[in-house]
């Protein structure tokens, strides 16, 4: 089969794979530019390095790679960077993949060393015009560079080992605005990582199921039999129905914090009685066993019947009436009893969107924007003073996986986007 015939075959296969994003036929290697330039000029060294990386990180390669490959020339030199890349032809399925280093940005838009610091500042909601003012180019250059990450699988990019797929999730919808109309960002998190985000036009079961299904599809791409054990929600019925439709065996854990917030936000006018109620509510929450928790909730209900009135009494008894939903958490010690983690992450997300005055384009562009935020947030480093006494920089993805491909966070991210984060 000559190259012209092979290119036609690959175009046909790509057309039949319309759901796959651009870049899913690019294998990213965790190597520096000097090593990659040697790989371009030395075929023997190229094969040795490819074998070494595959032995250490097979998840960066398609399954068919194990059946062997042959060299398939080079890409045309990039007009932007004057940079070319090697290509290989897989023996098993005759598909062509590009082999790229982690030092070059997707779509040849720049080198990592030139854009790493500007992209890091996006973590803090820095506007594109400010980045352009400080680092050059124009605001749309930085917007497009950030948005390009949103085409990758969030789960596949962040979670590299199927055994690391989370069993206990937290899910909620962040209210936002698209061209002045209210929308809902269905968000799924675990281990300080955002593993799913999707902009939904409504907050009903059908819309939320569609939004959360993207997490399901990406997770099942890593492990076909993936079934999470629990998900913590704020009690919104449509959210619960959406999750039970997607994962029939999942257990819904009702967020204790949201029930307390209903008391806090509406009952402060009760003064000392309000503060005494808060103490008793959190005393019940801190019970060590399921039996003790149920006993404390019963005592709390009895106390509330005798000592509270009006709205405070209604909200307190409403909390006590959910004892069965709250007590499920004791059967799963590692589950999320409150929404603290997702609330913190959504606060970062909302700050970023607020600084951009929310969304002004199409629903698709809004989805790309929130997905790129999630992926960057998972890989951008924490402050050094937070963990390990300032000796090492961590990120949510590194903590979840237990390793990083590269010390530089952006090189680690680009390597993780090998095949757009999808297992093939």
Protein backbone atom coordinates (compact mmCIF):
# COMPACT_ATOMS: atom_id res chain seq x y z
CA UNK A 1 0.00 0.00 0.00
CA UNK A 2 1.59 3.33 -1.04
CA UNK A 3 1.40 6.53 0.98
CA UNK A 4 -1.32 8.09 -1.17
CA UNK A 5 -3.61 5.08 -0.62
CA UNK A 6 -2.73 5.00 3.07
CA UNK A 7 -3.58 8.67 3.53
CA UNK A 8 -6.97 8.06 1.95
CA UNK A 9 -7.55 5.14 4.35
CA UNK A 10 -6.65 7.27 7.37
CA UNK A 11 -8.93 10.09 6.23
CA UNK A 12 -11.78 7.61 5.98
CA UNK A 13 -11.11 6.30 9.48
CA UNK A 14 -10.90 9.81 10.87
CA UNK A 15 -14.23 10.69 9.28
CA UNK A 16 -15.82 7.69 10.98
CA UNK A 17 -14.36 8.90 14.27
CA UNK A 18 -15.99 12.30 14.28
CA UNK A 19 -16.36 12.29 18.05
CA UNK A 20 -12.58 12.24 18.51
CA UNK A 21 -10.87 15.64 18.80
CA UNK A 22 -7.92 16.95 16.87
CA UNK A 23 -4.67 15.62 18.26
CA UNK A 24 -5.86 12.11 19.06
CA UNK A 25 -3.32 10.72 16.58
CA UNK A 26 -0.39 12.44 18.30
CA UNK A 27 1.76 10.54 20.80
CA UNK A 28 3.52 12.85 23.26
CA UNK A 29 6.91 11.86 24.68
CA UNK A 30 8.29 13.14 28.01
CA UNK A 31 11.64 14.16 26.50
CA UNK A 32 13.48 17.45 26.15
CA UNK A 33 14.07 19.22 22.86
CA UNK A 34 17.71 18.17 22.54
CA UNK A 35 16.76 14.48 22.78
CA UNK A 36 13.94 14.92 20.29
CA UNK A 37 16.19 16.66 17.75
CA UNK A 38 18.54 13.71 18.00
CA UNK A 39 15.56 11.40 17.45
CA UNK A 40 14.77 13.30 14.24
CA UNK A 41 18.25 12.76 12.86
CA UNK A 42 19.06 9.29 14.23
CA UNK A 43 16.52 6.56 13.44
CA UNK A 44 18.26 4.03 15.70
CA UNK A 45 18.13 6.43 18.66
CA UNK A 46 14.48 7.19 17.84
CA UNK A 47 13.54 3.51 18.07
CA UNK A 48 15.51 3.04 21.30
CA UNK A 49 13.82 6.03 22.96
CA UNK A 50 10.37 4.98 21.78
CA UNK A 51 10.91 1.52 23.25
CA UNK A 52 12.12 3.00 26.53
CA UNK A 53 9.16 5.36 26.92
CA UNK A 54 6.67 2.64 25.96
CA UNK A 55 8.12 0.27 28.59
CA UNK A 56 7.77 2.94 31.28
CA UNK A 57 4.47 4.55 30.19
CA UNK A 58 2.40 2.33 27.87
CA UNK A 59 -0.72 4.45 28.53
CA UNK A 60 0.76 7.15 26.28
CA UNK A 61 0.57 4.78 23.28
CA UNK A 62 -2.25 3.01 21.41
CA UNK A 63 -2.69 -0.69 22.17
CA UNK A 64 -1.72 -1.60 18.60
CA UNK A 65 1.77 -0.20 19.21
CA UNK A 66 2.72 -3.46 20.92
CA UNK A 67 2.33 -5.29 17.58
CA UNK A 68 5.11 -3.25 16.04
CA UNK A 69 5.44 -0.28 13.74
CA UNK A 70 7.48 1.07 10.85
CA UNK A 71 8.90 4.51 10.19
CA UNK A 72 6.64 6.73 8.12
CA UNK A 73 8.64 9.84 7.38
CA UNK A 74 8.12 13.31 8.77
CA UNK A 75 5.45 15.96 8.98
CA UNK A 76 5.88 19.09 6.90
CA UNK A 77 7.86 21.80 8.73
CA UNK A 78 5.59 24.05 10.78
CA UNK A 79 5.20 27.54 9.30
CA UNK A 80 4.91 28.92 12.84
CA UNK A 81 7.96 27.26 14.42
CA UNK A 82 9.87 25.78 11.48
CA UNK A 83 9.72 22.46 13.28
CA UNK A 84 8.97 18.98 11.95
CA UNK A 85 8.01 15.74 13.68
CA UNK A 86 8.47 12.04 13.02
CA UNK A 87 5.57 9.74 12.13
CA UNK A 88 5.09 6.00 12.51
CA UNK A 89 2.81 3.43 10.84
CA UNK A 90 1.32 0.77 13.13
CA UNK A 91 1.60 -2.75 11.72
CA UNK A 92 -1.70 -4.01 13.14
CA UNK A 93 -4.22 -1.41 11.92
CA UNK A 94 -2.13 0.60 9.41
CA UNK A 95 -2.85 3.86 11.20
CA UNK A 96 -0.37 6.73 11.23
CA UNK A 97 0.61 8.52 14.43
CA UNK A 98 2.77 11.60 14.92
CA UNK A 99 5.47 11.41 17.58
CA UNK A 100 5.85 14.78 19.31
CA UNK A 101 7.89 16.08 22.26
CA UNK A 102 6.41 17.69 25.36
CA UNK A 103 8.34 20.92 24.79
CA UNK A 104 6.14 22.05 21.88
CA UNK A 105 2.59 23.33 22.37
CA UNK A 106 -0.32 21.69 20.53
CA UNK A 107 -0.87 22.90 16.96
CA UNK A 108 2.65 24.33 16.93
CA UNK A 109 1.53 27.55 18.63
CA UNK A 110 4.71 27.99 20.65
CA UNK A 111 7.39 26.42 22.82
CA UNK A 112 6.72 25.55 26.45
CA UNK A 113 9.53 27.72 27.76
CA UNK A 114 7.90 30.77 26.17
CA UNK A 115 4.31 30.23 27.35
CA UNK A 116 4.56 28.36 30.66
CA UNK A 117 4.49 31.43 32.90
CA UNK A 118 1.61 33.20 31.09
CA UNK A 119 -0.50 30.03 31.23
CA UNK A 120 0.28 29.64 34.92
CA UNK A 121 -1.14 33.12 35.60
CA UNK A 122 -4.49 32.00 34.20
CA UNK A 123 -4.88 30.08 37.46
CA UNK A 124 -5.50 33.41 39.19
CA UNK A 125 -8.01 34.75 36.69
CA UNK A 126 -5.54 37.08 34.96
CA UNK A 127 -7.31 38.58 31.92
CA UNK A 128 -5.96 37.83 28.46
CA UNK A 129 -5.24 41.49 27.70
CA UNK A 130 -3.03 41.72 30.80
CA UNK A 131 -1.09 38.62 29.76
CA UNK A 132 -0.69 40.04 26.25
CA UNK A 133 0.55 43.33 27.73
CA UNK A 134 3.17 41.56 29.85
CA UNK A 135 4.28 38.77 27.52
CA UNK A 136 3.44 39.95 24.02
CA UNK A 137 1.20 38.54 21.26
CA UNK A 138 -2.47 39.54 21.44
CA UNK A 139 -5.33 38.55 23.79
CA UNK A 140 -6.87 36.12 21.28
CA UNK A 141 -3.56 34.26 20.99
CA UNK A 142 -3.67 33.44 24.69
CA UNK A 143 -7.40 32.70 24.61
CA UNK A 144 -6.95 30.18 21.77
CA UNK A 145 -3.93 28.60 23.44
CA UNK A 146 -5.88 28.06 26.66
CA UNK A 147 -9.00 26.82 24.86
CA UNK A 148 -7.00 24.23 22.90
CA UNK A 149 -6.64 22.15 26.08
CA UNK A 150 -10.43 21.82 26.31
CA UNK A 151 -10.48 19.44 23.34
CA UNK A 152 -8.76 16.72 25.40
CA UNK A 153 -10.42 14.14 27.62
CA UNK A 154 -10.42 15.58 31.14
CA UNK A 155 -10.50 12.19 32.85
CA UNK A 156 -8.04 10.56 30.46
CA UNK A 157 -5.59 13.44 30.69
CA UNK A 158 -5.75 13.63 34.48
CA UNK A 159 -6.02 9.95 35.49
CA UNK A 160 -3.29 7.80 33.97
CA UNK A 161 -3.94 4.50 35.76
CA UNK A 162 -7.38 2.79 35.63
CA UNK A 163 -6.88 1.77 39.26
CA UNK A 164 -6.78 5.47 40.19
CA UNK A 165 -10.29 6.12 38.88
CA UNK A 166 -12.18 7.50 41.89
CA UNK A 167 -14.82 5.46 43.67
CA UNK A 168 -16.18 8.39 45.68
CA UNK A 169 -17.21 11.54 43.84
CA UNK A 170 -18.75 14.91 44.57
CA UNK A 171 -21.05 16.62 42.05
CA UNK A 172 -22.85 19.94 41.86
CA UNK A 173 -23.95 22.60 39.39
CA UNK A 174 -22.39 26.06 39.33
CA UNK A 175 -24.77 28.78 38.19
CA UNK A 176 -23.35 30.92 35.40
CA UNK A 177 -24.44 32.99 32.40
CA UNK A 178 -24.22 32.55 28.63
CA UNK A 179 -25.05 35.71 26.67
CA UNK A 180 -27.11 36.91 29.62
CA UNK A 181 -29.07 33.66 30.02
CA UNK A 182 -28.63 31.50 33.08
CA UNK A 183 -26.78 28.21 32.54
CA UNK A 184 -25.54 25.48 34.88
CA UNK A 185 -22.01 24.07 34.89
CA UNK A 186 -22.36 20.40 35.90
CA UNK A 187 -19.15 19.66 37.79
CA UNK A 188 -17.64 16.38 39.03
CA UNK A 189 -14.62 16.34 41.35
CA UNK A 190 -12.48 14.01 43.41
CA UNK A 191 -9.01 14.18 44.99
CA UNK A 192 -8.83 17.97 44.50
CA UNK A 193 -9.20 17.41 40.74
CA UNK A 194 -12.00 18.51 38.43
CA UNK A 195 -12.82 15.38 36.44
CA UNK A 196 -15.93 16.58 34.62
CA UNK A 197 -17.45 19.91 33.61
CA UNK A 198 -20.21 20.61 31.14
CA UNK A 199 -22.37 23.68 30.54
CA UNK A 200 -26.09 22.79 30.66
CA UNK A 201 -28.86 25.10 29.50
CA UNK A 202 -31.29 23.78 32.14
CA UNK A 203 -31.13 22.11 35.55
CA UNK A 204 -33.64 19.33 34.83
CA UNK A 205 -32.83 15.63 34.79
CA UNK A 206 -32.43 15.36 31.00
CA UNK A 207 -30.03 18.31 30.73
CA UNK A 208 -27.96 17.28 33.74
CA UNK A 209 -27.77 13.68 32.58
CA UNK A 210 -26.34 14.89 29.28
CA UNK A 211 -23.89 17.12 31.13
CA UNK A 212 -22.64 14.48 33.55
CA UNK A 213 -22.55 11.81 30.83
CA UNK A 214 -19.34 13.33 29.47
CA UNK A 215 -17.56 12.26 32.66
CA UNK A 216 -19.08 8.80 32.31
CA UNK A 217 -17.88 8.42 28.69
CA UNK A 218 -14.37 9.57 29.46
CA UNK A 219 -14.08 7.37 32.55
CA UNK A 220 -15.33 4.30 30.68
CA UNK A 221 -12.79 5.02 27.94
CA UNK A 222 -10.14 4.26 30.56
CA UNK A 223 -11.99 1.31 32.13
CA UNK A 224 -15.11 -0.11 30.45
CA UNK A 225 -16.45 -1.59 33.68
CA UNK A 226 -15.97 1.56 35.75
CA UNK A 227 -18.71 2.07 38.35
CA UNK A 228 -18.24 4.65 41.12
CA UNK A 229 -19.51 3.70 44.55
CA UNK A 230 -20.87 7.01 45.87
CA UNK A 231 -21.50 10.58 44.79
CA UNK A 232 -22.13 13.48 47.15
CA UNK A 233 -24.83 15.93 46.00
CA UNK A 234 -26.61 18.91 47.52
CA UNK A 235 -30.00 17.17 47.45
CA UNK A 236 -31.26 18.55 44.11
CA UNK A 237 -33.52 15.80 42.83
CA UNK A 238 -32.60 16.22 39.17
CA UNK A 239 -28.92 15.77 40.03
CA UNK A 240 -29.62 12.54 41.88
CA UNK A 241 -31.78 11.18 39.05
CA UNK A 242 -29.10 12.04 36.49
CA UNK A 243 -26.42 10.12 38.39
CA UNK A 244 -28.57 7.06 39.08
CA UNK A 245 -29.46 6.97 35.36
CA UNK A 246 -25.78 7.01 34.39
CA UNK A 247 -24.58 4.59 37.10
CA UNK A 248 -27.37 2.32 38.28
CA UNK A 249 -25.50 1.04 41.36
CA UNK A 250 -24.25 4.38 42.64
CA UNK A 251 -25.18 5.47 46.18
CA UNK A 252 -26.27 9.07 46.66
CA UNK A 253 -24.74 10.76 49.71
CA UNK A 254 -26.67 13.85 50.76
CA UNK A 255 -24.44 16.83 51.64
CA UNK A 256 -24.71 17.61 55.35
CA UNK A 257 -23.21 21.06 54.83
CA UNK A 258 -25.99 22.20 52.49
CA UNK A 259 -28.63 21.30 55.07
CA UNK A 260 -26.74 23.28 57.69
CA UNK A 261 -26.39 26.26 55.31
CA UNK A 262 -30.19 26.44 55.07
CA UNK A 263 -30.23 26.97 58.84
CA UNK A 264 -27.31 29.41 58.83
CA UNK A 265 -28.52 31.64 56.00
CA UNK A 266 -32.07 32.05 57.24
CA UNK A 267 -31.93 31.87 61.02
CA UNK A 268 -29.17 34.18 62.28
CA UNK A 269 -31.77 36.56 63.65
CA UNK A 270 -32.46 34.07 66.45
CA UNK A 271 -29.23 35.19 68.17
CA UNK A 272 -27.91 32.97 70.96
CA UNK A 273 -30.44 30.25 70.18
CA UNK A 274 -29.10 30.09 66.64
CA UNK A 275 -25.50 29.63 67.84
CA UNK A 276 -26.56 26.94 70.32
CA UNK A 277 -28.38 25.16 67.48
CA UNK A 278 -25.23 25.28 65.34
CA UNK A 279 -23.18 23.67 68.12
CA UNK A 280 -25.67 20.83 68.47
CA UNK A 281 -25.88 20.26 64.70
CA UNK A 282 -22.12 19.91 64.31
CA UNK A 283 -21.90 17.80 67.45
CA UNK A 284 -24.24 15.33 65.76
CA UNK A 285 -22.19 15.45 62.54
CA UNK A 286 -18.97 14.52 64.37
CA UNK A 287 -20.35 11.21 65.66
CA UNK A 288 -17.85 8.41 65.09
CA UNK A 289 -20.33 5.64 64.25
CA UNK A 290 -23.59 5.31 62.40
CA UNK A 291 -25.43 4.28 65.55
CA UNK A 292 -24.07 7.24 67.50
CA UNK A 293 -24.96 9.63 64.67
CA UNK A 294 -28.58 8.43 64.54
CA UNK A 295 -28.86 8.74 68.32
CA UNK A 296 -27.52 12.30 68.28
CA UNK A 297 -29.90 13.28 65.48
CA UNK A 298 -32.84 11.92 67.51
CA UNK A 299 -31.72 13.92 70.54
CA UNK A 300 -31.30 16.98 68.32
CA UNK A 301 -34.83 16.58 67.00
CA UNK A 302 -36.23 16.25 70.53
CA UNK A 303 -34.34 19.35 71.62
CA UNK A 304 -35.52 21.28 68.57
CA UNK A 305 -39.18 20.37 69.23
CA UNK A 306 -38.93 21.79 72.75
CA UNK A 307 -36.65 24.81 72.33
CA UNK A 308 -37.05 26.28 68.85
CA UNK A 309 -39.90 27.92 66.96
CA UNK A 310 -40.75 29.30 63.55
CA UNK A 311 -38.30 29.10 60.67
CA UNK A 312 -35.43 27.85 62.81
CA UNK A 313 -37.50 24.93 64.00
CA UNK A 314 -38.64 24.10 60.45
CA UNK A 315 -35.10 24.07 59.06
CA UNK A 316 -33.70 22.11 62.00
CA UNK A 317 -36.38 19.44 61.77
CA UNK A 318 -35.84 19.34 58.01
CA UNK A 319 -32.21 18.46 58.63
CA UNK A 320 -33.15 15.79 61.17
CA UNK A 321 -35.61 14.29 58.68
CA UNK A 322 -32.72 13.42 56.33
CA UNK A 323 -31.00 11.16 58.84
CA UNK A 324 -31.30 8.12 56.56
CA UNK A 325 -29.61 9.97 53.68
CA UNK A 326 -26.82 11.27 55.91
CA UNK A 327 -26.19 7.97 57.69
CA UNK A 328 -25.34 6.16 54.41
CA UNK A 329 -21.93 7.85 54.59
CA UNK A 330 -20.94 5.64 57.54
CA UNK A 331 -21.15 2.57 55.30
CA UNK A 332 -18.51 4.16 53.03
CA UNK A 333 -15.84 5.80 55.22
CA UNK A 334 -13.95 7.30 52.25
CA UNK A 335 -16.94 9.04 50.69
CA UNK A 336 -17.55 12.80 50.76
CA UNK A 337 -19.97 13.76 53.54
CA UNK A 338 -19.92 17.43 52.60
CA UNK A 339 -19.35 19.43 49.43
CA UNK A 340 -16.34 21.37 50.78
CA UNK A 341 -13.97 20.14 48.08
CA UNK A 342 -16.23 20.89 45.13
CA UNK A 343 -17.23 24.25 46.62
CA UNK A 344 -13.58 25.33 46.79
CA UNK A 345 -12.88 24.30 43.20
CA UNK A 346 -16.06 25.90 41.86
CA UNK A 347 -15.15 29.11 43.66
CA UNK A 348 -11.91 29.25 41.63
CA UNK A 349 -13.89 28.46 38.50
CA UNK A 350 -16.49 31.14 39.12
CA UNK A 351 -13.82 33.75 39.81
CA UNK A 352 -12.20 33.01 36.44
CA UNK A 353 -15.51 33.25 34.59
CA UNK A 354 -16.51 36.42 36.46
CA UNK A 355 -13.29 38.13 35.40
CA UNK A 356 -14.19 37.33 31.78
CA UNK A 357 -17.79 38.50 32.33
CA UNK A 358 -18.93 34.91 31.84
CA UNK A 359 -19.65 33.49 28.37
CA UNK A 360 -20.43 35.44 25.21
CA UNK A 361 -20.27 32.89 22.38
CA UNK A 362 -21.90 29.56 21.61
CA UNK A 363 -22.64 26.68 23.98
CA UNK A 364 -19.78 24.73 22.40
CA UNK A 365 -17.27 27.52 23.02
CA UNK A 366 -18.47 27.80 26.63
CA UNK A 367 -17.93 24.06 27.08
CA UNK A 368 -14.44 24.28 25.60
CA UNK A 369 -13.67 27.14 27.97
CA UNK A 370 -14.77 25.31 31.13
CA UNK A 371 -12.99 22.10 30.06
CA UNK A 372 -9.72 23.92 29.44
CA UNK A 373 -10.05 25.58 32.87
CA UNK A 374 -10.50 22.15 34.49
CA UNK A 375 -7.49 20.55 32.79
CA UNK A 376 -5.17 23.48 33.50
CA UNK A 377 -6.38 23.67 37.12
CA UNK A 378 -5.61 19.97 37.62
CA UNK A 379 -1.99 20.39 36.50
CA UNK A 380 -1.04 23.88 37.63
CA UNK A 381 1.12 23.69 40.79
CA UNK A 382 0.09 24.61 44.30
CA UNK A 383 2.11 27.08 46.34
CA UNK A 384 5.33 25.44 47.54
CA UNK A 385 4.65 26.37 51.17
CA UNK A 386 1.48 24.28 51.33
CA UNK A 387 2.92 20.79 51.04
CA UNK A 388 6.15 19.10 51.99
CA UNK A 389 7.58 22.17 53.76
CA UNK A 390 8.19 23.96 50.47
CA UNK A 391 10.61 21.33 49.15
CA UNK A 392 8.54 20.24 46.16
CA UNK A 393 5.80 21.66 43.97
CA UNK A 394 2.67 19.53 43.81
CA UNK A 395 -0.38 19.59 41.60
CA UNK A 396 -3.72 17.83 41.91
CA UNK A 397 -2.86 15.49 39.01
CA UNK A 398 0.51 14.58 40.48
CA UNK A 399 -1.02 13.88 43.88
CA UNK A 400 -3.75 11.73 42.33
CA UNK A 401 -1.42 9.67 40.10
CA UNK A 402 1.52 9.53 42.49
CA UNK A 403 3.99 10.65 39.80
CA UNK A 404 4.60 13.21 37.07
CA UNK A 405 6.12 12.64 33.63
CA UNK A 406 8.15 15.85 33.92
CA UNK A 407 9.07 18.27 36.70
CA UNK A 408 7.76 21.22 34.71
CA UNK A 409 3.96 21.30 35.17
CA UNK A 410 3.20 22.29 31.58
CA UNK A 411 5.49 19.63 30.12
CA UNK A 412 3.77 17.14 32.41
CA UNK A 413 0.37 18.32 31.16
CA UNK A 414 1.32 18.16 27.48
CA UNK A 415 2.73 14.66 27.91
CA UNK A 416 -0.53 13.66 29.61
CA UNK A 417 -2.50 14.85 26.57
CA UNK A 418 -0.92 12.11 24.45
CA UNK A 419 -3.66 10.91 22.04
CA UNK A 420 -5.81 13.74 23.42
CA UNK A 421 -6.05 11.81 26.69
CA UNK A 422 -8.01 8.93 25.11
CA UNK A 423 -7.05 5.27 25.37
CA UNK A 424 -6.97 3.68 21.91
